[in-house]
Amino acid sequence: MLNKPAYRKAKILVADDNFGCGSSREHAPWALLDFGIRCIISTSFGDIFYNNCFKNGVLPIRVSPQDLEKLFDDADRGANATISIDLEAQEIRGPDGGVVKFEIDAFRKHCMLNGLDDVGLTMVKKDKISGYEEKVKAARPWL
């Protein structure tokens, strides 16, 4: 499907149930990200794959089977259909103006909106870490 001209630059992948099942390493989200995919929509995901997506900046969205069918219909229109994601509002917007709401964990949403991975989350506390290290250095100059 992604070899067809209408889908070559797709950033959103609408996929069937249990997407990513068997992908126990981060290579699957990396490959999708390298291809340009930024969001995957399905009814369900393999657990490890789902978690690895968030760690690597790919947004996995769970929807109902009915909503997935509607999104498949929208995607079948090719270049004549554009699906967009509003993470802030937690909405998928279809080409006909229809809206599908989705749920996402508040912490994961915060990280995705702010481009924070595990290292980024640590670096947010850089000043506190540096302060602690200075205290330790002053208290134990022999270290």
N, C-alpha and C. Protein backbone atom coordinates (compact mmCIF):
# COMPACT_ATOMS: atom_id res chain seq x y z
N MET A 1 0.82 -1.20 0.00
CA MET A 1 0.00 0.00 0.00
C MET A 1 0.87 1.27 0.00
N LEU A 2 1.95 1.25 0.81
CA LEU A 2 2.79 2.44 0.91
C LEU A 2 3.64 2.67 -0.33
N ASN A 3 3.65 1.72 -1.25
CA ASN A 3 4.36 1.91 -2.52
C ASN A 3 3.51 2.66 -3.54
N LYS A 4 2.22 2.79 -3.29
CA LYS A 4 1.36 3.53 -4.21
C LYS A 4 1.64 5.03 -4.06
N PRO A 5 1.68 5.76 -5.18
CA PRO A 5 2.02 7.18 -5.13
C PRO A 5 1.20 8.00 -4.12
N ALA A 6 -0.07 7.70 -4.00
CA ALA A 6 -0.92 8.48 -3.09
C ALA A 6 -0.54 8.33 -1.62
N TYR A 7 0.18 7.27 -1.29
CA TYR A 7 0.49 6.98 0.12
C TYR A 7 1.98 7.08 0.44
N ARG A 8 2.82 7.37 -0.54
CA ARG A 8 4.28 7.34 -0.34
C ARG A 8 4.77 8.29 0.74
N LYS A 9 4.13 9.39 0.91
CA LYS A 9 4.57 10.37 1.92
C LYS A 9 3.67 10.37 3.14
N ALA A 10 2.97 9.27 3.35
CA ALA A 10 2.05 9.18 4.48
C ALA A 10 2.79 9.29 5.80
N LYS A 11 2.21 10.00 6.73
CA LYS A 11 2.76 10.13 8.08
C LYS A 11 1.90 9.40 9.10
N ILE A 12 0.69 9.01 8.66
CA ILE A 12 -0.25 8.30 9.53
C ILE A 12 -0.53 6.95 8.90
N LEU A 13 -0.40 5.91 9.70
CA LEU A 13 -0.67 4.55 9.24
C LEU A 13 -1.93 4.05 9.94
N VAL A 14 -2.93 3.67 9.16
CA VAL A 14 -4.15 3.07 9.69
C VAL A 14 -3.98 1.57 9.52
N ALA A 15 -3.98 0.85 10.64
CA ALA A 15 -3.59 -0.56 10.62
C ALA A 15 -4.63 -1.45 11.31
N ASP A 16 -4.57 -2.73 10.97
CA ASP A 16 -5.50 -3.70 11.54
C ASP A 16 -5.17 -4.01 13.00
N ASP A 17 -5.99 -4.86 13.59
CA ASP A 17 -5.88 -5.22 15.01
C ASP A 17 -4.52 -5.79 15.38
N ASN A 18 -4.14 -5.56 16.62
CA ASN A 18 -2.94 -6.14 17.22
C ASN A 18 -1.67 -5.76 16.45
N PHE A 19 -1.61 -4.53 16.00
CA PHE A 19 -0.46 -4.07 15.23
C PHE A 19 0.80 -4.09 16.09
N GLY A 20 1.88 -4.55 15.52
CA GLY A 20 3.16 -4.59 16.23
C GLY A 20 3.36 -5.80 17.10
N CYS A 21 2.41 -6.72 17.06
CA CYS A 21 2.54 -7.94 17.86
C CYS A 21 3.79 -8.68 17.38
N GLY A 22 4.64 -9.07 18.31
CA GLY A 22 5.86 -9.77 17.97
C GLY A 22 7.05 -8.84 17.80
N SER A 23 6.83 -7.54 17.88
CA SER A 23 7.93 -6.58 17.77
C SER A 23 8.44 -6.25 19.16
N SER A 24 9.37 -7.04 19.65
CA SER A 24 9.84 -6.86 21.02
C SER A 24 11.06 -5.96 21.13
N ARG A 25 11.51 -5.42 20.02
CA ARG A 25 12.65 -4.51 20.05
C ARG A 25 12.23 -3.17 19.47
N GLU A 26 13.06 -2.18 19.69
CA GLU A 26 12.75 -0.84 19.21
C GLU A 26 12.93 -0.66 17.71
N HIS A 27 13.42 -1.69 17.04
CA HIS A 27 13.68 -1.57 15.61
C HIS A 27 12.41 -1.28 14.80
N ALA A 28 11.29 -1.84 15.21
CA ALA A 28 10.05 -1.62 14.45
C ALA A 28 9.64 -0.15 14.49
N PRO A 29 9.54 0.49 15.67
CA PRO A 29 9.22 1.93 15.66
C PRO A 29 10.29 2.76 14.94
N TRP A 30 11.56 2.36 15.08
CA TRP A 30 12.62 3.10 14.37
C TRP A 30 12.40 3.04 12.87
N ALA A 31 12.09 1.85 12.36
CA ALA A 31 11.89 1.68 10.92
C ALA A 31 10.70 2.52 10.44
N LEU A 32 9.62 2.51 11.19
CA LEU A 32 8.45 3.31 10.82
C LEU A 32 8.79 4.80 10.84
N LEU A 33 9.51 5.22 11.86
CA LEU A 33 9.91 6.62 11.98
C LEU A 33 10.82 7.02 10.82
N ASP A 34 11.77 6.14 10.48
CA ASP A 34 12.66 6.41 9.35
C ASP A 34 11.90 6.53 8.04
N PHE A 35 10.81 5.78 7.92
CA PHE A 35 9.99 5.82 6.71
C PHE A 35 9.15 7.11 6.66
N GLY A 36 8.96 7.74 7.82
CA GLY A 36 8.18 8.97 7.89
C GLY A 36 6.88 8.84 8.66
N ILE A 37 6.59 7.66 9.15
CA ILE A 37 5.35 7.44 9.91
C ILE A 37 5.49 8.07 11.29
N ARG A 38 4.55 8.92 11.65
CA ARG A 38 4.58 9.59 12.95
C ARG A 38 3.44 9.13 13.87
N CYS A 39 2.45 8.45 13.28
CA CYS A 39 1.29 8.03 14.05
C CYS A 39 0.74 6.73 13.45
N ILE A 40 0.33 5.82 14.33
CA ILE A 40 -0.29 4.57 13.90
C ILE A 40 -1.64 4.48 14.61
N ILE A 41 -2.68 4.19 13.85
CA ILE A 41 -4.02 4.07 14.41
C ILE A 41 -4.48 2.63 14.23
N SER A 42 -4.93 2.01 15.32
CA SER A 42 -5.42 0.64 15.29
C SER A 42 -6.37 0.43 16.47
N THR A 43 -6.99 -0.74 16.50
CA THR A 43 -7.84 -1.06 17.66
C THR A 43 -7.00 -1.58 18.82
N SER A 44 -5.83 -2.16 18.50
CA SER A 44 -4.97 -2.72 19.55
C SER A 44 -3.55 -2.84 19.03
N PHE A 45 -2.61 -2.92 19.96
CA PHE A 45 -1.19 -3.00 19.64
C PHE A 45 -0.53 -4.06 20.51
N GLY A 46 0.57 -4.61 20.03
CA GLY A 46 1.41 -5.44 20.88
C GLY A 46 1.94 -4.54 21.99
N ASP A 47 1.94 -5.03 23.24
CA ASP A 47 2.30 -4.20 24.38
C ASP A 47 3.70 -3.58 24.27
N ILE A 48 4.69 -4.39 23.95
CA ILE A 48 6.06 -3.88 23.88
C ILE A 48 6.18 -2.86 22.75
N PHE A 49 5.59 -3.16 21.62
CA PHE A 49 5.61 -2.24 20.49
C PHE A 49 4.96 -0.91 20.88
N TYR A 50 3.81 -0.98 21.53
CA TYR A 50 3.07 0.22 21.95
C TYR A 50 3.95 1.11 22.82
N ASN A 51 4.61 0.52 23.81
CA ASN A 51 5.47 1.29 24.70
C ASN A 51 6.69 1.84 23.97
N ASN A 52 7.26 1.05 23.07
CA ASN A 52 8.43 1.51 22.31
C ASN A 52 8.09 2.66 21.37
N CYS A 53 6.85 2.69 20.88
CA CYS A 53 6.44 3.81 20.04
C CYS A 53 6.57 5.12 20.80
N PHE A 54 6.03 5.17 22.00
CA PHE A 54 6.10 6.40 22.79
C PHE A 54 7.55 6.79 23.08
N LYS A 55 8.39 5.82 23.36
CA LYS A 55 9.79 6.10 23.66
C LYS A 55 10.54 6.66 22.46
N ASN A 56 9.99 6.47 21.28
CA ASN A 56 10.69 6.89 20.06
C ASN A 56 9.93 7.94 19.25
N GLY A 57 8.92 8.55 19.84
CA GLY A 57 8.24 9.66 19.18
C GLY A 57 7.21 9.28 18.14
N VAL A 58 6.74 8.04 18.17
CA VAL A 58 5.66 7.61 17.27
C VAL A 58 4.39 7.51 18.12
N LEU A 59 3.33 8.14 17.69
CA LEU A 59 2.08 8.15 18.46
C LEU A 59 1.19 6.98 18.06
N PRO A 60 1.00 6.00 18.97
CA PRO A 60 0.05 4.92 18.69
C PRO A 60 -1.32 5.30 19.27
N ILE A 61 -2.34 5.25 18.46
CA ILE A 61 -3.69 5.62 18.90
C ILE A 61 -4.60 4.42 18.81
N ARG A 62 -5.30 4.14 19.90
CA ARG A 62 -6.30 3.07 19.93
C ARG A 62 -7.68 3.66 19.68
N VAL A 63 -8.41 3.01 18.76
CA VAL A 63 -9.78 3.42 18.45
C VAL A 63 -10.69 2.18 18.46
N SER A 64 -11.98 2.42 18.41
CA SER A 64 -12.93 1.32 18.38
C SER A 64 -12.91 0.67 16.99
N PRO A 65 -13.39 -0.57 16.87
CA PRO A 65 -13.47 -1.21 15.54
C PRO A 65 -14.31 -0.40 14.55
N GLN A 66 -15.38 0.23 15.02
CA GLN A 66 -16.23 1.03 14.14
C GLN A 66 -15.49 2.26 13.63
N ASP A 67 -14.76 2.92 14.53
CA ASP A 67 -13.98 4.09 14.11
C ASP A 67 -12.86 3.68 13.16
N LEU A 68 -12.25 2.54 13.41
CA LEU A 68 -11.18 2.06 12.52
C LEU A 68 -11.72 1.82 11.11
N GLU A 69 -12.90 1.21 11.00
CA GLU A 69 -13.50 0.98 9.68
C GLU A 69 -13.74 2.29 8.95
N LYS A 70 -14.22 3.29 9.67
CA LYS A 70 -14.45 4.61 9.07
C LYS A 70 -13.12 5.20 8.58
N LEU A 71 -12.07 5.05 9.38
CA LEU A 71 -10.76 5.57 8.99
C LEU A 71 -10.17 4.80 7.80
N PHE A 72 -10.42 3.49 7.74
CA PHE A 72 -10.01 2.70 6.57
C PHE A 72 -10.72 3.21 5.32
N ASP A 73 -12.02 3.49 5.44
CA ASP A 73 -12.77 4.03 4.31
C ASP A 73 -12.18 5.37 3.86
N ASP A 74 -11.84 6.23 4.85
CA ASP A 74 -11.23 7.52 4.52
C ASP A 74 -9.89 7.31 3.82
N ALA A 75 -9.08 6.40 4.33
CA ALA A 75 -7.75 6.16 3.77
C ALA A 75 -7.82 5.59 2.36
N ASP A 76 -8.88 4.84 2.06
CA ASP A 76 -9.04 4.25 0.73
C ASP A 76 -9.19 5.30 -0.37
N ARG A 77 -9.50 6.51 0.01
CA ARG A 77 -9.67 7.57 -0.99
C ARG A 77 -8.32 8.07 -1.53
N GLY A 78 -7.23 7.59 -0.95
CA GLY A 78 -5.90 7.97 -1.43
C GLY A 78 -5.60 9.43 -1.26
N ALA A 79 -5.06 10.04 -2.33
CA ALA A 79 -4.65 11.45 -2.27
C ALA A 79 -5.83 12.39 -2.04
N ASN A 80 -7.03 11.91 -2.25
CA ASN A 80 -8.21 12.74 -2.06
C ASN A 80 -8.67 12.79 -0.60
N ALA A 81 -7.96 12.09 0.25
CA ALA A 81 -8.36 12.06 1.66
C ALA A 81 -7.16 12.38 2.54
N THR A 82 -7.38 13.27 3.46
CA THR A 82 -6.33 13.61 4.42
C THR A 82 -6.88 13.40 5.82
N ILE A 83 -6.16 12.61 6.59
CA ILE A 83 -6.50 12.39 8.00
C ILE A 83 -5.47 13.17 8.80
N SER A 84 -5.93 13.91 9.78
CA SER A 84 -4.99 14.67 10.61
C SER A 84 -5.23 14.34 12.08
N ILE A 85 -4.18 14.54 12.86
CA ILE A 85 -4.24 14.25 14.29
C ILE A 85 -4.04 15.54 15.06
N ASP A 86 -4.92 15.79 16.01
CA ASP A 86 -4.76 16.90 16.95
C ASP A 86 -4.54 16.27 18.32
N LEU A 87 -3.27 16.13 18.70
CA LEU A 87 -2.96 15.48 19.97
C LEU A 87 -3.46 16.30 21.15
N GLU A 88 -3.33 17.60 21.06
CA GLU A 88 -3.79 18.47 22.16
C GLU A 88 -5.27 18.22 22.45
N ALA A 89 -6.10 18.19 21.40
CA ALA A 89 -7.54 17.97 21.56
C ALA A 89 -7.91 16.49 21.61
N GLN A 90 -6.93 15.62 21.32
CA GLN A 90 -7.14 14.17 21.28
C GLN A 90 -8.22 13.81 20.25
N GLU A 91 -7.99 14.30 19.02
CA GLU A 91 -8.94 14.08 17.95
C GLU A 91 -8.24 13.66 16.67
N ILE A 92 -8.91 12.75 15.95
CA ILE A 92 -8.51 12.39 14.59
C ILE A 92 -9.55 13.05 13.69
N ARG A 93 -9.10 13.83 12.74
CA ARG A 93 -10.03 14.53 11.85
C ARG A 93 -9.95 13.92 10.46
N GLY A 94 -11.11 13.53 9.97
CA GLY A 94 -11.20 12.91 8.65
C GLY A 94 -11.43 13.93 7.57
N PRO A 95 -11.34 13.51 6.31
CA PRO A 95 -11.49 14.43 5.17
C PRO A 95 -12.91 14.99 5.02
N ASP A 96 -13.88 14.29 5.59
CA ASP A 96 -15.26 14.75 5.48
C ASP A 96 -15.67 15.64 6.66
N GLY A 97 -14.70 15.98 7.51
CA GLY A 97 -14.99 16.81 8.67
C GLY A 97 -15.35 16.01 9.91
N GLY A 98 -15.44 14.69 9.78
CA GLY A 98 -15.75 13.86 10.93
C GLY A 98 -14.59 13.85 11.92
N VAL A 99 -14.95 13.65 13.18
CA VAL A 99 -13.95 13.65 14.25
C VAL A 99 -14.08 12.38 15.06
N VAL A 100 -12.94 11.75 15.33
CA VAL A 100 -12.88 10.58 16.20
C VAL A 100 -12.04 10.99 17.40
N LYS A 101 -12.62 10.89 18.59
CA LYS A 101 -11.91 11.21 19.83
C LYS A 101 -11.10 9.98 20.25
N PHE A 102 -9.97 10.20 20.90
CA PHE A 102 -9.18 9.09 21.43
C PHE A 102 -8.63 9.44 22.80
N GLU A 103 -8.32 8.42 23.55
CA GLU A 103 -7.76 8.57 24.89
C GLU A 103 -6.25 8.37 24.84
N ILE A 104 -5.55 9.07 25.71
CA ILE A 104 -4.11 8.89 25.85
C ILE A 104 -3.73 9.26 27.28
N ASP A 105 -2.80 8.53 27.84
CA ASP A 105 -2.31 8.80 29.17
C ASP A 105 -1.76 10.24 29.23
N ALA A 106 -2.10 10.98 30.28
CA ALA A 106 -1.72 12.40 30.38
C ALA A 106 -0.20 12.59 30.35
N PHE A 107 0.55 11.73 31.03
CA PHE A 107 2.01 11.85 31.05
C PHE A 107 2.58 11.62 29.66
N ARG A 108 2.11 10.59 28.98
CA ARG A 108 2.59 10.31 27.62
C ARG A 108 2.23 11.45 26.66
N LYS A 109 1.06 12.00 26.83
CA LYS A 109 0.64 13.13 26.00
C LYS A 109 1.59 14.30 26.23
N HIS A 110 1.89 14.60 27.48
CA HIS A 110 2.82 15.67 27.81
C HIS A 110 4.18 15.45 27.14
N CYS A 111 4.69 14.24 27.24
CA CYS A 111 5.99 13.91 26.64
C CYS A 111 5.95 14.08 25.12
N MET A 112 4.90 13.59 24.48
CA MET A 112 4.79 13.69 23.02
C MET A 112 4.68 15.16 22.58
N LEU A 113 3.87 15.94 23.28
CA LEU A 113 3.69 17.34 22.91
C LEU A 113 4.98 18.15 23.09
N ASN A 114 5.82 17.72 24.03
CA ASN A 114 7.04 18.46 24.34
C ASN A 114 8.30 17.80 23.80
N GLY A 115 8.14 16.72 23.02
CA GLY A 115 9.28 16.05 22.42
C GLY A 115 10.24 15.45 23.43
N LEU A 116 9.70 14.93 24.53
CA LEU A 116 10.53 14.39 25.60
C LEU A 116 10.61 12.88 25.54
N ASP A 117 11.83 12.37 25.38
CA ASP A 117 12.06 10.94 25.53
C ASP A 117 12.65 10.73 26.93
N ASP A 118 13.15 9.54 27.22
CA ASP A 118 13.69 9.27 28.55
C ASP A 118 14.85 10.20 28.90
N VAL A 119 15.72 10.46 27.94
CA VAL A 119 16.85 11.37 28.17
C VAL A 119 16.34 12.79 28.36
N GLY A 120 15.40 13.20 27.54
CA GLY A 120 14.83 14.54 27.65
C GLY A 120 14.16 14.78 28.99
N LEU A 121 13.49 13.76 29.51
CA LEU A 121 12.87 13.88 30.83
C LEU A 121 13.91 14.10 31.91
N THR A 122 15.05 13.44 31.78
CA THR A 122 16.14 13.62 32.73
C THR A 122 16.73 15.03 32.60
N MET A 123 16.91 15.47 31.37
CA MET A 123 17.53 16.78 31.14
C MET A 123 16.66 17.94 31.61
N VAL A 124 15.37 17.73 31.75
CA VAL A 124 14.49 18.75 32.29
C VAL A 124 14.91 19.08 33.73
N LYS A 125 15.52 18.11 34.39
CA LYS A 125 15.95 18.29 35.79
C LYS A 125 17.45 18.55 35.89
N LYS A 126 18.04 19.02 34.82
CA LYS A 126 19.49 19.25 34.76
C LYS A 126 19.98 20.15 35.89
N ASP A 127 19.25 21.23 36.17
CA ASP A 127 19.68 22.15 37.22
C ASP A 127 19.68 21.48 38.59
N LYS A 128 18.68 20.68 38.87
CA LYS A 128 18.62 19.96 40.15
C LYS A 128 19.75 18.93 40.24
N ILE A 129 20.03 18.26 39.13
CA ILE A 129 21.10 17.27 39.11
C ILE A 129 22.44 17.96 39.34
N SER A 130 22.67 19.07 38.66
CA SER A 130 23.92 19.82 38.83
C SER A 130 24.06 20.32 40.25
N GLY A 131 22.98 20.82 40.84
CA GLY A 131 23.00 21.28 42.23
C GLY A 131 23.37 20.16 43.19
N TYR A 132 22.79 19.02 42.98
CA TYR A 132 23.11 17.85 43.82
C TYR A 132 24.58 17.47 43.68
N GLU A 133 25.07 17.45 42.45
CA GLU A 133 26.47 17.08 42.22
C GLU A 133 27.42 18.08 42.87
N GLU A 134 27.08 19.36 42.84
CA GLU A 134 27.91 20.38 43.51
C GLU A 134 27.93 20.16 45.02
N LYS A 135 26.78 19.83 45.60
CA LYS A 135 26.72 19.56 47.05
C LYS A 135 27.58 18.35 47.41
N VAL A 136 27.48 17.31 46.60
CA VAL A 136 28.28 16.11 46.86
C VAL A 136 29.77 16.42 46.73
N LYS A 137 30.12 17.18 45.73
CA LYS A 137 31.53 17.55 45.53
C LYS A 137 32.07 18.36 46.71
N ALA A 138 31.25 19.29 47.24
CA ALA A 138 31.66 20.12 48.38
C ALA A 138 31.76 19.29 49.65
N ALA A 139 30.81 18.35 49.82
CA ALA A 139 30.78 17.53 51.04
C ALA A 139 31.84 16.43 51.01
N ARG A 140 32.24 15.99 49.83
CA ARG A 140 33.20 14.90 49.69
C ARG A 140 34.24 15.25 48.62
N PRO A 141 35.11 16.17 48.93
CA PRO A 141 36.07 16.63 47.92
C PRO A 141 37.03 15.54 47.44
N TRP A 142 37.13 14.47 48.17
CA TRP A 142 38.01 13.38 47.77
C TRP A 142 37.44 12.53 46.65
N LEU A 143 36.14 12.67 46.35
CA LEU A 143 35.56 11.86 45.28
C LEU A 143 35.90 12.36 43.91
